[in-house]
Amino acid sequence: MPRYEFRCRTCEDTFEVSRPMAESSAPADCPAGHADTVKLLSAVAVGGTSSAPAPSGGGCCGGGGCC
């Protein structure tokens, strides 16, 4: 189940809530009981290596003469 991060505007606490994706935009009360919260955008880390070779020459602005 996905976890969503929220911040309380009243006490400025940051907390996480686990819920189904269908309820991702539902409001959440902070652990201290305050209702004035905002859902934070989470940065997704994508790492790894690519098996595709880096482009070289040719194409627009890559030495192809179109610029």
N, C-alpha and C. Protein backbone atom coordinates (compact mmCIF):
# COMPACT_ATOMS: atom_id res chain seq x y z
N MET A 1 0.86 -1.17 0.00
CA MET A 1 0.00 0.00 0.00
C MET A 1 0.91 1.24 0.00
N PRO A 2 0.60 2.21 -0.86
CA PRO A 2 1.43 3.42 -0.94
C PRO A 2 1.36 4.25 0.35
N ARG A 3 2.45 4.98 0.58
CA ARG A 3 2.54 5.88 1.73
C ARG A 3 2.57 7.31 1.21
N TYR A 4 1.82 8.18 1.84
CA TYR A 4 1.74 9.58 1.44
C TYR A 4 2.21 10.45 2.59
N GLU A 5 2.99 11.46 2.28
CA GLU A 5 3.55 12.35 3.29
C GLU A 5 2.72 13.62 3.38
N PHE A 6 2.42 14.02 4.60
CA PHE A 6 1.63 15.22 4.88
C PHE A 6 2.40 16.11 5.84
N ARG A 7 2.05 17.40 5.85
CA ARG A 7 2.60 18.34 6.81
C ARG A 7 1.43 19.08 7.45
N CYS A 8 1.49 19.22 8.77
CA CYS A 8 0.47 19.93 9.51
C CYS A 8 0.81 21.41 9.50
N ARG A 9 -0.14 22.24 9.10
CA ARG A 9 0.11 23.68 9.08
C ARG A 9 0.03 24.29 10.47
N THR A 10 -0.62 23.60 11.41
CA THR A 10 -0.77 24.12 12.76
C THR A 10 0.49 23.89 13.59
N CYS A 11 0.96 22.63 13.66
CA CYS A 11 2.14 22.31 14.50
C CYS A 11 3.40 22.07 13.67
N GLU A 12 3.29 22.11 12.34
CA GLU A 12 4.40 21.93 11.41
C GLU A 12 5.06 20.55 11.48
N ASP A 13 4.33 19.57 12.00
CA ASP A 13 4.81 18.20 12.05
C ASP A 13 4.66 17.58 10.66
N THR A 14 5.57 16.70 10.27
CA THR A 14 5.49 15.96 9.02
C THR A 14 5.20 14.51 9.38
N PHE A 15 4.24 13.90 8.70
CA PHE A 15 3.87 12.52 9.02
C PHE A 15 3.46 11.80 7.75
N GLU A 16 3.42 10.47 7.81
CA GLU A 16 3.06 9.64 6.67
C GLU A 16 1.77 8.89 6.95
N VAL A 17 1.02 8.64 5.88
CA VAL A 17 -0.23 7.89 5.97
C VAL A 17 -0.20 6.82 4.89
N SER A 18 -0.49 5.57 5.27
CA SER A 18 -0.62 4.48 4.29
C SER A 18 -2.08 4.36 3.92
N ARG A 19 -2.36 4.39 2.62
CA ARG A 19 -3.74 4.27 2.15
C ARG A 19 -3.74 3.83 0.70
N PRO A 20 -4.87 3.30 0.23
CA PRO A 20 -4.96 2.90 -1.18
C PRO A 20 -4.83 4.12 -2.11
N MET A 21 -4.38 3.89 -3.32
CA MET A 21 -4.22 4.97 -4.29
C MET A 21 -5.54 5.68 -4.56
N ALA A 22 -6.65 4.97 -4.48
CA ALA A 22 -7.96 5.58 -4.72
C ALA A 22 -8.28 6.66 -3.69
N GLU A 23 -7.61 6.61 -2.53
CA GLU A 23 -7.83 7.59 -1.47
C GLU A 23 -6.65 8.56 -1.32
N SER A 24 -5.81 8.65 -2.33
CA SER A 24 -4.59 9.45 -2.23
C SER A 24 -4.85 10.93 -2.00
N SER A 25 -5.95 11.45 -2.49
CA SER A 25 -6.22 12.88 -2.33
C SER A 25 -7.11 13.20 -1.14
N ALA A 26 -7.49 12.20 -0.36
CA ALA A 26 -8.32 12.43 0.82
C ALA A 26 -7.52 13.18 1.88
N PRO A 27 -8.16 14.08 2.63
CA PRO A 27 -7.44 14.80 3.69
C PRO A 27 -7.03 13.85 4.82
N ALA A 28 -6.04 14.28 5.59
CA ALA A 28 -5.56 13.48 6.72
C ALA A 28 -5.31 14.38 7.91
N ASP A 29 -5.79 13.98 9.08
CA ASP A 29 -5.51 14.72 10.31
C ASP A 29 -4.11 14.35 10.79
N CYS A 30 -3.41 15.31 11.39
CA CYS A 30 -2.08 15.03 11.92
C CYS A 30 -2.22 14.19 13.21
N PRO A 31 -1.15 13.55 13.64
CA PRO A 31 -1.22 12.72 14.85
C PRO A 31 -1.66 13.51 16.09
N ALA A 32 -1.46 14.83 16.10
CA ALA A 32 -1.87 15.65 17.24
C ALA A 32 -3.35 16.05 17.14
N GLY A 33 -4.02 15.64 16.04
CA GLY A 33 -5.45 15.90 15.89
C GLY A 33 -5.81 17.14 15.09
N HIS A 34 -4.83 17.85 14.57
CA HIS A 34 -5.12 19.04 13.77
C HIS A 34 -5.59 18.62 12.37
N ALA A 35 -6.55 19.36 11.83
CA ALA A 35 -7.10 19.02 10.52
C ALA A 35 -6.50 19.84 9.39
N ASP A 36 -5.76 20.89 9.70
CA ASP A 36 -5.20 21.77 8.66
C ASP A 36 -3.88 21.20 8.17
N THR A 37 -3.97 20.23 7.25
CA THR A 37 -2.77 19.57 6.73
C THR A 37 -2.70 19.72 5.22
N VAL A 38 -1.53 19.51 4.69
CA VAL A 38 -1.31 19.57 3.25
C VAL A 38 -0.47 18.36 2.84
N LYS A 39 -0.87 17.76 1.71
CA LYS A 39 -0.13 16.61 1.18
C LYS A 39 1.12 17.13 0.48
N LEU A 40 2.26 16.52 0.78
CA LEU A 40 3.53 16.93 0.18
C LEU A 40 3.80 16.13 -1.08
N LEU A 41 4.49 16.74 -2.00
CA LEU A 41 4.93 16.03 -3.20
C LEU A 41 6.20 15.27 -2.85
N SER A 42 6.23 14.03 -3.20
CA SER A 42 7.39 13.20 -2.91
C SER A 42 8.27 13.10 -4.14
N ALA A 43 9.56 13.21 -3.92
CA ALA A 43 10.52 13.03 -5.01
C ALA A 43 10.78 11.54 -5.15
N VAL A 44 10.69 11.04 -6.35
CA VAL A 44 10.93 9.63 -6.61
C VAL A 44 12.34 9.49 -7.15
N ALA A 45 13.12 8.67 -6.47
CA ALA A 45 14.49 8.44 -6.92
C ALA A 45 14.48 7.32 -7.95
N VAL A 46 15.03 7.60 -9.10
CA VAL A 46 15.14 6.60 -10.14
C VAL A 46 16.61 6.45 -10.45
N GLY A 47 17.11 5.28 -10.26
CA GLY A 47 18.54 5.07 -10.48
C GLY A 47 18.76 3.85 -11.34
N GLY A 48 19.99 3.53 -11.47
CA GLY A 48 20.33 2.36 -12.27
C GLY A 48 21.17 2.74 -13.46
N THR A 49 21.38 1.77 -14.28
CA THR A 49 22.18 2.00 -15.47
C THR A 49 21.33 1.74 -16.70
N SER A 50 21.71 2.33 -17.76
CA SER A 50 21.00 2.15 -19.02
C SER A 50 21.84 1.30 -19.94
N SER A 51 21.18 0.44 -20.67
CA SER A 51 21.92 -0.39 -21.62
C SER A 51 21.99 0.27 -22.99
N ALA A 52 21.29 1.40 -23.16
CA ALA A 52 21.30 2.10 -24.44
C ALA A 52 22.56 2.95 -24.54
N PRO A 53 23.21 2.94 -25.68
CA PRO A 53 24.41 3.77 -25.83
C PRO A 53 24.05 5.26 -25.89
N ALA A 54 24.97 6.08 -25.45
CA ALA A 54 24.78 7.53 -25.50
C ALA A 54 24.77 7.99 -26.96
N PRO A 55 23.90 8.95 -27.30
CA PRO A 55 23.87 9.43 -28.68
C PRO A 55 25.17 10.15 -29.03
N SER A 56 25.58 10.03 -30.27
CA SER A 56 26.78 10.73 -30.71
C SER A 56 26.62 11.18 -32.14
N GLY A 57 26.92 12.45 -32.37
CA GLY A 57 26.87 12.99 -33.72
C GLY A 57 25.49 12.88 -34.35
N GLY A 58 25.35 13.42 -35.54
CA GLY A 58 24.07 13.35 -36.26
C GLY A 58 22.95 14.03 -35.51
N GLY A 59 21.81 14.13 -36.07
CA GLY A 59 20.65 14.72 -35.40
C GLY A 59 20.79 16.21 -35.21
N CYS A 60 19.73 16.85 -34.84
CA CYS A 60 19.71 18.29 -34.65
C CYS A 60 20.58 18.69 -33.46
N CYS A 61 21.41 19.66 -33.64
CA CYS A 61 22.32 20.21 -32.62
C CYS A 61 23.29 19.17 -32.09
N GLY A 62 23.40 18.07 -32.75
CA GLY A 62 24.38 17.06 -32.37
C GLY A 62 25.42 16.90 -33.47
N GLY A 63 25.60 17.94 -34.24
CA GLY A 63 26.59 17.87 -35.32
C GLY A 63 25.95 17.59 -36.67
N GLY A 64 24.61 17.63 -36.74
CA GLY A 64 23.93 17.31 -37.98
C GLY A 64 23.73 18.49 -38.90
N GLY A 65 24.10 19.67 -38.46
CA GLY A 65 24.04 20.83 -39.31
C GLY A 65 22.68 21.53 -39.37
N CYS A 66 21.77 21.25 -38.46
CA CYS A 66 20.46 21.90 -38.51
C CYS A 66 20.41 23.15 -37.65
N CYS A 67 21.42 23.40 -36.86
CA CYS A 67 21.39 24.55 -35.92
C CYS A 67 21.98 25.79 -36.55
